[in-house]
Amino acid sequence: MTKLVIVGSAITGLLTALTYNGESIILEKEKEIARNSKASLWSIFPPLCGNHKSDCEEAIKLYEDICSKYGIYCKKVNILRISNNKLGGKIIDRKEIRSLEPQLQIDEAEFFDNGFFVEGDELFSSLSSEFNIELNSEVIDIKVVNNEVKALITNKGEIKGDFYVLATGYLTSKLITRLGINLEI
């Protein structure tokens, strides 16, 4: 029996397996590793995270460590906004813009703060090669006894674990509804 069973191989599933650092299996219903977006890059902008700014700053530290460990391209970036509607950032002129972003050809921008860029495809490739991922494994039922998950029933058979994580993102409610599970929050 596997210790941790994760449903979903997008970034949440992969980071859960990485953080757990123990025996785990990731189930993915698709024929390839899922991606949160088709974009090849991700950016984290703490000043735009509202009440969760410190969480975003912690995420940057986590991604820096992952990028360093796996040799993934990442870098700190400047957050500039081009708009007539000022949102509280410092207005900077063309000279300051060129010092931050030499390729940007504009006369004025709003500078917020610093952010972080991660090369998304490299991140997925590196992390997905690290874990036991069962592709084409769709959860079709959940075996529950006395309010406790005992197994996941997939199109390939039954999977048992000590713990289960649904890292299915926006599809979680569809999965729960399709399986007829009454979820209390």
C-alpha atoms as a PDB file:
ATOM      1  CA  MET A   1       0.000   0.000   0.000  1.00  0.00           C
ATOM      2  CA  THR A   2       1.281   3.454  -0.944  1.00  0.00           C
ATOM      3  CA  LYS A   3       1.624   5.983   1.850  1.00  0.00           C
ATOM      4  CA  LEU A   4       0.253   9.016  -0.085  1.00  0.00           C
ATOM      5  CA  VAL A   5      -2.035   8.940  -3.127  1.00  0.00           C
ATOM      6  CA  ILE A   6      -2.332  12.240  -4.996  1.00  0.00           C
ATOM      7  CA  VAL A   7      -4.983  12.801  -7.661  1.00  0.00           C
ATOM      8  CA  GLY A   8      -3.757  15.364 -10.210  1.00  0.00           C
ATOM      9  CA  SER A   9      -0.299  15.989 -11.633  1.00  0.00           C
ATOM     10  CA  ALA A  10      -0.454  19.752 -12.111  1.00  0.00           C
ATOM     11  CA  ILE A  11       1.678  22.005  -9.945  1.00  0.00           C
ATOM     12  CA  THR A  12      -0.289  21.347  -6.735  1.00  0.00           C
ATOM     13  CA  GLY A  13       0.060  17.575  -7.085  1.00  0.00           C
ATOM     14  CA  LEU A  14       3.756  17.790  -7.965  1.00  0.00           C
ATOM     15  CA  LEU A  15       4.565  20.202  -5.135  1.00  0.00           C
ATOM     16  CA  THR A  16       2.590  18.065  -2.686  1.00  0.00           C
ATOM     17  CA  ALA A  17       4.701  15.036  -3.641  1.00  0.00           C
ATOM     18  CA  LEU A  18       7.890  17.106  -3.425  1.00  0.00           C
ATOM     19  CA  THR A  19       6.993  18.531  -0.023  1.00  0.00           C
ATOM     20  CA  TYR A  20       5.889  15.149   1.326  1.00  0.00           C
ATOM     21  CA  ASN A  21       9.190  13.584   0.271  1.00  0.00           C
ATOM     22  CA  GLY A  22       7.971  10.056   0.997  1.00  0.00           C
ATOM     23  CA  GLU A  23       6.395   7.130  -0.796  1.00  0.00           C
ATOM     24  CA  SER A  24       3.691   8.493  -3.055  1.00  0.00           C
ATOM     25  CA  ILE A  25       1.870   7.908  -6.309  1.00  0.00           C
ATOM     26  CA  ILE A  26       0.277  10.567  -8.467  1.00  0.00           C
ATOM     27  CA  LEU A  27      -2.797   9.644 -10.520  1.00  0.00           C
ATOM     28  CA  GLU A  28      -3.391  11.633 -13.692  1.00  0.00           C
ATOM     29  CA  LYS A  29      -6.425  11.037 -15.896  1.00  0.00           C
ATOM     30  CA  GLU A  30      -4.755  12.575 -18.970  1.00  0.00           C
ATOM     31  CA  LYS A  31      -2.206  10.921 -21.259  1.00  0.00           C
ATOM     32  CA  GLU A  32       0.430  13.455 -20.256  1.00  0.00           C
ATOM     33  CA  ILE A  33       1.340  15.545 -17.243  1.00  0.00           C
ATOM     34  CA  ALA A  34      -1.279  18.227 -16.620  1.00  0.00           C
ATOM     35  CA  ARG A  35      -0.350  21.871 -16.767  1.00  0.00           C
ATOM     36  CA  ASN A  36      -2.064  24.740 -14.987  1.00  0.00           C
ATOM     37  CA  SER A  37      -1.705  26.839 -18.069  1.00  0.00           C
ATOM     38  CA  LYS A  38      -0.437  26.566 -21.610  1.00  0.00           C
ATOM     39  CA  ALA A  39       2.010  29.398 -20.891  1.00  0.00           C
ATOM     40  CA  SER A  40       5.637  28.413 -20.569  1.00  0.00           C
ATOM     41  CA  LEU A  41       6.323  30.824 -17.751  1.00  0.00           C
ATOM     42  CA  TRP A  42       4.947  31.773 -14.391  1.00  0.00           C
ATOM     43  CA  SER A  43       5.348  34.965 -12.470  1.00  0.00           C
ATOM     44  CA  ILE A  44       4.734  35.632  -8.801  1.00  0.00           C
ATOM     45  CA  PHE A  45       3.910  39.226  -7.855  1.00  0.00           C
ATOM     46  CA  PRO A  46       3.761  39.633  -4.043  1.00  0.00           C
ATOM     47  CA  PRO A  47       2.563  43.265  -4.135  1.00  0.00           C
ATOM     48  CA  LEU A  48      -0.502  42.130  -6.077  1.00  0.00           C
ATOM     49  CA  CYS A  49      -1.368  39.347  -3.601  1.00  0.00           C
ATOM     50  CA  GLY A  50      -3.291  41.603  -1.222  1.00  0.00           C
ATOM     51  CA  ASN A  51      -3.580  40.074   2.238  1.00  0.00           C
ATOM     52  CA  HIS A  52      -1.523  37.092   1.036  1.00  0.00           C
ATOM     53  CA  LYS A  53       1.657  39.037   0.226  1.00  0.00           C
ATOM     54  CA  SER A  54       3.708  37.123   2.804  1.00  0.00           C
ATOM     55  CA  ASP A  55       2.449  33.804   1.345  1.00  0.00           C
ATOM     56  CA  CYS A  56       3.617  34.908  -2.108  1.00  0.00           C
ATOM     57  CA  GLU A  57       6.997  35.888  -0.689  1.00  0.00           C
ATOM     58  CA  GLU A  58       7.296  32.432   0.911  1.00  0.00           C
ATOM     59  CA  ALA A  59       6.341  30.867  -2.433  1.00  0.00           C
ATOM     60  CA  ILE A  60       9.219  32.729  -4.078  1.00  0.00           C
ATOM     61  CA  LYS A  61      11.634  31.194  -1.564  1.00  0.00           C
ATOM     62  CA  LEU A  62      10.212  27.733  -2.274  1.00  0.00           C
ATOM     63  CA  TYR A  63      10.495  28.197  -6.041  1.00  0.00           C
ATOM     64  CA  GLU A  64      14.047  29.563  -5.704  1.00  0.00           C
ATOM     65  CA  ASP A  65      15.032  26.408  -3.809  1.00  0.00           C
ATOM     66  CA  ILE A  66      13.346  24.147  -6.368  1.00  0.00           C
ATOM     67  CA  CYS A  67      14.935  26.012  -9.281  1.00  0.00           C
ATOM     68  CA  SER A  68      18.347  25.780  -7.658  1.00  0.00           C
ATOM     69  CA  LYS A  69      17.989  22.060  -6.884  1.00  0.00           C
ATOM     70  CA  TYR A  70      16.765  21.095 -10.376  1.00  0.00           C
ATOM     71  CA  GLY A  71      18.628  23.674 -12.483  1.00  0.00           C
ATOM     72  CA  ILE A  72      15.432  25.400 -13.635  1.00  0.00           C
ATOM     73  CA  TYR A  73      15.703  28.896 -15.076  1.00  0.00           C
ATOM     74  CA  CYS A  74      14.169  31.543 -12.818  1.00  0.00           C
ATOM     75  CA  LYS A  75      14.917  35.134 -11.874  1.00  0.00           C
ATOM     76  CA  LYS A  76      13.676  38.102  -9.897  1.00  0.00           C
ATOM     77  CA  VAL A  77      11.813  40.600 -12.069  1.00  0.00           C
ATOM     78  CA  ASN A  78      10.468  44.136 -11.831  1.00  0.00           C
ATOM     79  CA  ILE A  79       6.745  44.744 -11.819  1.00  0.00           C
ATOM     80  CA  LEU A  80       5.894  47.589 -14.159  1.00  0.00           C
ATOM     81  CA  ARG A  81       2.384  48.567 -15.170  1.00  0.00           C
ATOM     82  CA  ILE A  82       1.468  50.694 -18.158  1.00  0.00           C
ATOM     83  CA  SER A  83      -1.837  52.411 -17.535  1.00  0.00           C
ATOM     84  CA  ASN A  84      -3.584  55.723 -17.045  1.00  0.00           C
ATOM     85  CA  ASN A  85      -5.207  54.394 -13.856  1.00  0.00           C
ATOM     86  CA  LYS A  86      -2.672  54.659 -11.055  1.00  0.00           C
ATOM     87  CA  LEU A  87      -2.845  51.875  -8.472  1.00  0.00           C
ATOM     88  CA  GLY A  88      -0.407  53.153  -5.879  1.00  0.00           C
ATOM     89  CA  GLY A  89       2.941  52.341  -7.457  1.00  0.00           C
ATOM     90  CA  LYS A  90       5.719  54.838  -8.097  1.00  0.00           C
ATOM     91  CA  ILE A  91       5.494  56.563 -11.479  1.00  0.00           C
ATOM     92  CA  ILE A  92       8.808  56.257 -13.279  1.00  0.00           C
ATOM     93  CA  ASP A  93      10.079  57.947 -16.433  1.00  0.00           C
ATOM     94  CA  ARG A  94      11.665  56.527 -19.559  1.00  0.00           C
ATOM     95  CA  LYS A  95      15.201  56.656 -18.122  1.00  0.00           C
ATOM     96  CA  GLU A  96      14.219  54.651 -15.020  1.00  0.00           C
ATOM     97  CA  ILE A  97      12.228  52.204 -17.148  1.00  0.00           C
ATOM     98  CA  ARG A  98      15.244  51.617 -19.411  1.00  0.00           C
ATOM     99  CA  SER A  99      17.459  50.977 -16.362  1.00  0.00           C
ATOM    100  CA  LEU A 100      15.053  48.254 -15.196  1.00  0.00           C
ATOM    101  CA  GLU A 101      13.882  46.848 -18.541  1.00  0.00           C
ATOM    102  CA  PRO A 102      16.194  47.961 -21.383  1.00  0.00           C
ATOM    103  CA  GLN A 103      13.990  46.430 -24.101  1.00  0.00           C
ATOM    104  CA  LEU A 104      10.842  48.270 -23.020  1.00  0.00           C
ATOM    105  CA  GLN A 105      10.239  51.353 -25.202  1.00  0.00           C
ATOM    106  CA  ILE A 106       7.714  53.480 -23.283  1.00  0.00           C
ATOM    107  CA  ASP A 107       7.802  56.963 -21.778  1.00  0.00           C
ATOM    108  CA  GLU A 108       6.097  56.316 -18.442  1.00  0.00           C
ATOM    109  CA  ALA A 109       5.089  53.360 -16.270  1.00  0.00           C
ATOM    110  CA  GLU A 110       4.034  52.553 -12.756  1.00  0.00           C
ATOM    111  CA  PHE A 111       6.639  50.594 -10.754  1.00  0.00           C
ATOM    112  CA  PHE A 112       5.189  48.415  -7.994  1.00  0.00           C
ATOM    113  CA  ASP A 113       7.896  46.220  -6.591  1.00  0.00           C
ATOM    114  CA  ASN A 114       9.788  43.073  -7.465  1.00  0.00           C
ATOM    115  CA  GLY A 115       8.373  39.736  -8.506  1.00  0.00           C
ATOM    116  CA  PHE A 116       9.659  36.353  -9.588  1.00  0.00           C
ATOM    117  CA  PHE A 117       9.692  34.475 -12.897  1.00  0.00           C
ATOM    118  CA  VAL A 118       9.871  30.667 -13.280  1.00  0.00           C
ATOM    119  CA  GLU A 119      10.235  28.776 -16.556  1.00  0.00           C
ATOM    120  CA  GLY A 120       7.096  26.628 -16.294  1.00  0.00           C
ATOM    121  CA  ASP A 121       7.893  23.899 -18.832  1.00  0.00           C
ATOM    122  CA  GLU A 122      11.277  23.225 -17.218  1.00  0.00           C
ATOM    123  CA  LEU A 123       9.603  23.093 -13.805  1.00  0.00           C
ATOM    124  CA  PHE A 124       7.024  20.516 -14.931  1.00  0.00           C
ATOM    125  CA  SER A 125       9.580  18.407 -16.787  1.00  0.00           C
ATOM    126  CA  SER A 126      11.968  18.281 -13.847  1.00  0.00           C
ATOM    127  CA  LEU A 127       9.375  17.588 -11.173  1.00  0.00           C
ATOM    128  CA  SER A 128       7.351  15.087 -13.191  1.00  0.00           C
ATOM    129  CA  SER A 129      10.413  12.926 -13.812  1.00  0.00           C
ATOM    130  CA  GLU A 130      10.979  12.739 -10.048  1.00  0.00           C
ATOM    131  CA  PHE A 131       7.752  10.972  -9.044  1.00  0.00           C
ATOM    132  CA  ASN A 132       5.696   7.853  -9.698  1.00  0.00           C
ATOM    133  CA  ILE A 133       2.946   9.183 -11.966  1.00  0.00           C
ATOM    134  CA  GLU A 134       0.252   6.876 -13.312  1.00  0.00           C
ATOM    135  CA  LEU A 135      -1.007   8.462 -16.531  1.00  0.00           C
ATOM    136  CA  ASN A 136      -4.462   7.572 -17.931  1.00  0.00           C
ATOM    137  CA  SER A 137      -5.657   6.829 -14.375  1.00  0.00           C
ATOM    138  CA  GLU A 138      -9.075   8.339 -13.861  1.00  0.00           C
ATOM    139  CA  VAL A 139     -10.768   8.127 -10.471  1.00  0.00           C
ATOM    140  CA  ILE A 140     -14.210   6.656 -11.056  1.00  0.00           C
ATOM    141  CA  ASP A 141     -15.198   6.055  -7.431  1.00  0.00           C
ATOM    142  CA  ILE A 142     -14.006   6.506  -3.875  1.00  0.00           C
ATOM    143  CA  LYS A 143     -14.436   3.674  -1.393  1.00  0.00           C
ATOM    144  CA  VAL A 144     -15.534   5.227   1.912  1.00  0.00           C
ATOM    145  CA  VAL A 145     -16.187   3.226   5.093  1.00  0.00           C
ATOM    146  CA  ASN A 146     -17.336   4.994   8.291  1.00  0.00           C
ATOM    147  CA  ASN A 147     -16.495   8.420   6.810  1.00  0.00           C
ATOM    148  CA  GLU A 148     -12.937   7.336   6.000  1.00  0.00           C
ATOM    149  CA  VAL A 149     -11.471   6.930   2.523  1.00  0.00           C
ATOM    150  CA  LYS A 150     -10.268   3.337   2.177  1.00  0.00           C
ATOM    151  CA  ALA A 151      -9.371   3.291  -1.530  1.00  0.00           C
ATOM    152  CA  LEU A 152      -9.726   5.054  -4.838  1.00  0.00           C
ATOM    153  CA  ILE A 153     -11.302   3.071  -7.634  1.00  0.00           C
ATOM    154  CA  THR A 154      -9.718   4.013 -10.967  1.00  0.00           C
ATOM    155  CA  ASN A 155     -10.255   2.854 -14.516  1.00  0.00           C
ATOM    156  CA  LYS A 156      -7.170   0.650 -13.900  1.00  0.00           C
ATOM    157  CA  GLY A 157      -8.259  -0.818 -10.573  1.00  0.00           C
ATOM    158  CA  GLU A 158      -8.188  -0.068  -6.866  1.00  0.00           C
ATOM    159  CA  ILE A 159      -5.484   2.120  -5.307  1.00  0.00           C
ATOM    160  CA  LYS A 160      -5.010   2.109  -1.539  1.00  0.00           C
ATOM    161  CA  GLY A 161      -3.039   4.577   0.523  1.00  0.00           C
ATOM    162  CA  ASP A 162      -2.724   5.856   4.048  1.00  0.00           C
ATOM    163  CA  PHE A 163      -3.539   9.408   2.911  1.00  0.00           C
ATOM    164  CA  TYR A 164      -5.272  10.908  -0.129  1.00  0.00           C
ATOM    165  CA  VAL A 165      -4.937  14.368  -1.652  1.00  0.00           C
ATOM    166  CA  LEU A 166      -7.259  15.667  -4.380  1.00  0.00           C
ATOM    167  CA  ALA A 167      -5.103  18.140  -6.302  1.00  0.00           C
ATOM    168  CA  THR A 168      -7.612  18.461  -9.108  1.00  0.00           C
ATOM    169  CA  GLY A 169      -8.010  22.234  -8.978  1.00  0.00           C
ATOM    170  CA  TYR A 170     -11.172  23.592 -10.504  1.00  0.00           C
ATOM    171  CA  LEU A 171     -12.221  20.032 -11.389  1.00  0.00           C
ATOM    172  CA  THR A 172     -12.542  18.976  -7.732  1.00  0.00           C
ATOM    173  CA  SER A 173     -16.198  19.991  -7.425  1.00  0.00           C
ATOM    174  CA  LYS A 174     -17.006  18.137 -10.677  1.00  0.00           C
ATOM    175  CA  LEU A 175     -15.264  15.012  -9.380  1.00  0.00           C
ATOM    176  CA  ILE A 176     -17.028  15.195  -6.004  1.00  0.00           C
ATOM    177  CA  THR A 177     -20.415  15.776  -7.659  1.00  0.00           C
ATOM    178  CA  ARG A 178     -19.887  13.011 -10.243  1.00  0.00           C
ATOM    179  CA  LEU A 179     -19.002  10.542  -7.480  1.00  0.00           C
ATOM    180  CA  GLY A 180     -22.047  11.573  -5.441  1.00  0.00           C
ATOM    181  CA  ILE A 181     -20.042  12.556  -2.382  1.00  0.00           C
ATOM    182  CA  ASN A 182     -21.694  14.885   0.129  1.00  0.00           C
ATOM    183  CA  LEU A 183     -18.970  17.330   1.140  1.00  0.00           C
ATOM    184  CA  GLU A 184     -19.382  19.501   4.228  1.00  0.00           C
ATOM    185  CA  ILE A 185     -17.231  22.605   4.455  1.00  0.00           C
END
